[in-house]
């Protein structure tokens, strides 16, 4: 028997095959497949914003899968670290501290696997927009939840402390929280932590976490279900 969610996607594709360019076609398909009026109202009235600090697209995928971060068709704006793979917390901290003034200097394009098809001009244009989105959110009156995940290596205590201090300086009196997702607890009381012992060692891990057709049941779906509940305990509308 055909999975009803797969049937829904087939219908979405049939309704949108004529739309060009392909990026717009994909966005419309995502809208038809995922849109919920209840979610739309909830996101519209939310008093918080979630910003990914990397170290990969896993951070954004988890917050979207949890129903806490809007999908792009709801108007959610991308930021520089959403799809960037960067294990260097010092560099992330430096970029935030200097308002991304040297972002394009000696840049490693391999850290942006989702943007490899772009020319240098296109890349700069895209990331200038994403940097501005980050800076706009940084000045927002809403509570900002900055989330960093790394399941390859537990972040260094001093580096996380420095990152927190820079975020605190940038936010001033405005409400924010730094949330760290990694394998074990870090001794930095100011940050929120959700430790979970897992190795992300499957190329399809993000596909399992998104679980579009609800047909996967493995360590990644169990991990995602756990993270959904924990993130919802921390982040409230």
Protein backbone atom coordinates (compact mmCIF):
# COMPACT_ATOMS: atom_id res chain seq x y z
CA UNK A 1 0.00 0.00 0.00
CA UNK A 2 1.35 3.43 -0.97
CA UNK A 3 2.44 5.60 1.93
CA UNK A 4 -0.14 8.46 2.06
CA UNK A 5 2.63 11.01 2.63
CA UNK A 6 4.45 9.78 -0.47
CA UNK A 7 1.18 10.06 -2.38
CA UNK A 8 0.86 13.62 -1.11
CA UNK A 9 4.32 14.45 -2.48
CA UNK A 10 3.46 12.87 -5.83
CA UNK A 11 0.42 15.16 -6.02
CA UNK A 12 2.58 18.15 -5.05
CA UNK A 13 4.97 17.32 -7.88
CA UNK A 14 2.13 16.92 -10.37
CA UNK A 15 0.75 20.33 -9.41
CA UNK A 16 4.08 22.13 -9.64
CA UNK A 17 6.08 20.46 -12.44
CA UNK A 18 5.57 23.49 -14.69
CA UNK A 19 7.03 26.07 -12.28
CA UNK A 20 10.39 27.59 -13.16
CA UNK A 21 13.05 28.13 -11.98
CA UNK A 22 13.63 24.87 -10.11
CA UNK A 23 14.38 26.64 -6.80
CA UNK A 24 10.93 28.27 -6.87
CA UNK A 25 9.34 24.95 -7.84
CA UNK A 26 10.96 23.25 -4.86
CA UNK A 27 9.81 25.98 -2.48
CA UNK A 28 6.20 25.72 -3.69
CA UNK A 29 6.31 21.93 -3.30
CA UNK A 30 7.60 22.29 0.23
CA UNK A 31 4.79 24.73 0.97
CA UNK A 32 2.11 22.38 -0.37
CA UNK A 33 3.56 19.43 1.51
CA UNK A 34 4.32 20.99 4.91
CA UNK A 35 2.13 24.06 5.31
CA UNK A 36 -0.06 24.25 8.42
CA UNK A 37 -2.24 27.23 9.25
CA UNK A 38 -1.80 26.42 12.94
CA UNK A 39 1.98 26.54 12.54
CA UNK A 40 1.72 29.75 10.54
CA UNK A 41 -0.18 31.48 13.36
CA UNK A 42 2.18 30.06 15.99
CA UNK A 43 5.30 31.24 14.18
CA UNK A 44 3.77 34.63 13.41
CA UNK A 45 3.11 35.23 17.12
CA UNK A 46 6.33 33.66 18.43
CA UNK A 47 8.38 35.83 20.79
CA UNK A 48 11.66 34.11 19.94
CA UNK A 49 14.03 33.44 17.05
CA UNK A 50 16.35 30.47 16.61
CA UNK A 51 19.77 31.04 15.03
CA UNK A 52 22.07 28.18 14.08
CA UNK A 53 25.78 28.57 14.83
CA UNK A 54 26.67 25.29 13.07
CA UNK A 55 28.73 23.17 13.10
CA UNK A 56 26.62 21.81 10.23
CA UNK A 57 23.09 21.79 8.82
CA UNK A 58 22.16 19.30 11.59
CA UNK A 59 21.48 22.20 13.97
CA UNK A 60 18.91 23.77 11.68
CA UNK A 61 17.42 20.39 10.74
CA UNK A 62 16.81 19.50 14.39
CA UNK A 63 15.18 22.82 15.24
CA UNK A 64 12.95 22.63 12.14
CA UNK A 65 12.05 18.99 12.78
CA UNK A 66 11.11 19.93 16.34
CA UNK A 67 8.53 22.38 15.00
CA UNK A 68 10.26 25.30 16.70
CA UNK A 69 12.01 26.92 13.74
CA UNK A 70 9.88 27.85 10.72
CA UNK A 71 10.56 26.42 7.30
CA UNK A 72 11.73 28.80 4.60
CA UNK A 73 8.32 29.20 2.96
CA UNK A 74 7.00 30.75 6.20
CA UNK A 75 9.44 33.58 5.61
CA UNK A 76 12.27 32.31 7.82
CA UNK A 77 15.54 33.92 6.77
CA UNK A 78 18.79 32.00 6.46
CA UNK A 79 21.93 32.99 8.37
CA UNK A 80 25.64 32.37 7.61
CA UNK A 81 26.09 29.21 9.69
CA UNK A 82 22.84 27.43 8.75
CA UNK A 83 24.40 25.28 6.03
CA UNK A 84 28.06 25.77 6.85
CA UNK A 85 30.27 23.02 8.23
CA UNK A 86 32.72 24.65 10.64
CA UNK A 87 34.29 22.95 13.67
CA UNK A 88 36.31 26.05 14.56
CA UNK A 89 34.39 27.75 17.39
CA UNK A 90 37.13 30.37 17.66
CA UNK A 91 36.44 31.42 14.07
CA UNK A 92 32.68 31.49 14.62
CA UNK A 93 33.23 33.69 17.68
CA UNK A 94 35.59 35.99 15.78
CA UNK A 95 33.10 36.47 12.97
CA UNK A 96 30.29 37.36 15.38
CA UNK A 97 32.61 39.65 17.33
CA UNK A 98 33.76 41.60 14.25
CA UNK A 99 30.31 41.61 12.60
CA UNK A 100 31.58 39.30 9.84
CA UNK A 101 33.92 42.02 8.52
CA UNK A 102 36.46 39.44 7.25
CA UNK A 103 34.03 36.66 6.37
CA UNK A 104 35.12 36.50 2.71
CA UNK A 105 38.86 36.56 3.42
CA UNK A 106 40.64 33.22 2.81
CA UNK A 107 37.30 31.47 2.85
CA UNK A 108 37.13 27.67 2.60
CA UNK A 109 34.40 26.99 0.04
CA UNK A 110 34.50 23.31 1.00
CA UNK A 111 32.80 24.32 4.25
CA UNK A 112 29.70 25.28 2.25
CA UNK A 113 28.70 22.03 0.50
CA UNK A 114 25.20 23.32 -0.30
CA UNK A 115 26.58 26.31 -2.24
CA UNK A 116 29.26 24.73 -4.41
CA UNK A 117 27.31 25.42 -7.62
CA UNK A 118 27.50 29.18 -7.05
CA UNK A 119 29.99 31.50 -8.69
CA UNK A 120 32.08 33.70 -6.40
CA UNK A 121 29.82 36.67 -7.17
CA UNK A 122 26.68 34.64 -6.45
CA UNK A 123 28.20 33.26 -3.25
CA UNK A 124 29.10 36.74 -1.99
CA UNK A 125 25.65 38.07 -2.78
CA UNK A 126 23.94 35.17 -0.98
CA UNK A 127 26.12 35.40 2.11
CA UNK A 128 26.01 39.18 2.33
CA UNK A 129 22.25 38.74 2.65
CA UNK A 130 22.62 35.99 5.24
CA UNK A 131 25.10 38.06 7.24
CA UNK A 132 22.66 40.98 7.27
CA UNK A 133 19.90 38.61 8.42
CA UNK A 134 22.14 37.53 11.31
CA UNK A 135 22.88 41.13 12.29
CA UNK A 136 19.20 42.08 12.09
CA UNK A 137 18.23 39.19 14.35
CA UNK A 138 21.07 40.07 16.71
CA UNK A 139 19.39 43.44 17.25
CA UNK A 140 15.87 41.99 17.54
CA UNK A 141 13.76 42.58 20.62
CA UNK A 142 12.70 38.93 20.55
CA UNK A 143 14.52 36.33 22.63
CA UNK A 144 17.26 34.79 20.47
CA UNK A 145 18.25 31.16 20.96
CA UNK A 146 21.68 30.55 19.45
CA UNK A 147 22.20 26.81 18.95
CA UNK A 148 25.50 25.07 18.26
CA UNK A 149 25.82 21.31 17.78
CA UNK A 150 28.90 19.12 17.49
CA UNK A 151 28.79 15.34 17.87
CA UNK A 152 32.29 14.83 16.47
CA UNK A 153 34.03 16.62 19.33
CA UNK A 154 32.90 18.04 22.66
CA UNK A 155 33.57 21.80 22.46
CA UNK A 156 36.34 23.29 24.57
CA UNK A 157 35.11 24.98 27.76
CA UNK A 158 37.14 28.16 27.25
CA UNK A 159 35.99 28.51 23.64
CA UNK A 160 32.32 28.11 24.57
CA UNK A 161 32.75 30.60 27.41
CA UNK A 162 34.26 33.12 25.01
CA UNK A 163 31.43 32.56 22.51
CA UNK A 164 28.86 33.16 25.23
CA UNK A 165 30.59 36.37 26.33
CA UNK A 166 30.66 37.74 22.78
CA UNK A 167 26.97 36.95 22.28
CA UNK A 168 26.17 38.60 25.60
CA UNK A 169 28.05 41.74 24.57
CA UNK A 170 26.31 41.85 21.21
CA UNK A 171 22.85 41.36 22.69
CA UNK A 172 23.35 43.84 25.52
CA UNK A 173 20.24 43.92 27.70
CA UNK A 174 18.20 41.90 25.18
CA UNK A 175 17.21 38.34 26.09
CA UNK A 176 19.17 35.43 24.59
CA UNK A 177 20.41 31.93 25.34
CA UNK A 178 23.25 29.81 24.02
CA UNK A 179 22.23 26.16 23.58
CA UNK A 180 24.88 23.48 23.06
CA UNK A 181 24.10 20.04 21.65
CA UNK A 182 26.96 17.57 22.02
CA UNK A 183 27.89 14.16 23.43
CA UNK A 184 28.54 15.11 27.05
CA UNK A 185 28.16 17.92 29.57
CA UNK A 186 30.45 20.97 29.45
CA UNK A 187 31.29 22.86 32.64
CA UNK A 188 29.90 26.27 31.63
CA UNK A 189 26.90 27.10 33.87
CA UNK A 190 25.70 30.04 31.74
CA UNK A 191 24.80 27.91 28.75
CA UNK A 192 21.90 25.51 28.18
CA UNK A 193 23.00 21.99 27.32
CA UNK A 194 21.28 18.91 25.93
CA UNK A 195 23.94 16.17 26.00
CA UNK A 196 23.23 13.04 23.95
CA UNK A 197 25.77 10.34 23.16
CA UNK A 198 25.52 9.64 19.43
CA UNK A 199 27.82 9.36 16.43
CA UNK A 200 26.48 11.03 13.30
CA UNK A 201 28.16 8.67 10.86
CA UNK A 202 25.58 8.05 8.15
CA UNK A 203 25.32 10.21 5.02
CA UNK A 204 21.53 9.93 5.23
CA UNK A 205 21.33 11.13 8.85
CA UNK A 206 19.55 14.39 7.96
CA UNK A 207 17.06 12.48 5.80
CA UNK A 208 16.32 10.19 8.75
CA UNK A 209 15.93 13.15 11.12
CA UNK A 210 13.54 14.99 8.79
CA UNK A 211 11.73 11.67 8.22
CA UNK A 212 9.46 13.25 5.60
CA UNK A 213 7.33 10.15 5.04
CA UNK A 214 7.52 8.86 8.63
CA UNK A 215 8.89 5.55 7.34
CA UNK A 216 12.21 5.44 9.19
CA UNK A 217 12.78 3.99 12.64
CA UNK A 218 16.43 3.97 13.67
CA UNK A 219 18.89 5.60 16.06
CA UNK A 220 18.53 8.94 14.28
CA UNK A 221 14.75 9.06 14.55
CA UNK A 222 15.01 8.11 18.24
CA UNK A 223 17.62 10.85 18.69
CA UNK A 224 15.39 13.37 16.90
CA UNK A 225 12.33 12.50 19.01
CA UNK A 226 14.38 12.99 22.17
CA UNK A 227 15.78 16.32 20.97
CA UNK A 228 12.31 17.54 19.98
CA UNK A 229 11.04 17.11 23.53
CA UNK A 230 14.12 18.62 25.14
CA UNK A 231 14.16 21.65 22.84
CA UNK A 232 10.46 22.23 23.48
CA UNK A 233 11.20 22.29 27.22
CA UNK A 234 13.67 25.12 26.61
CA UNK A 235 12.09 27.17 23.84
CA UNK A 236 8.57 28.49 24.31
CA UNK A 237 6.37 30.66 22.05
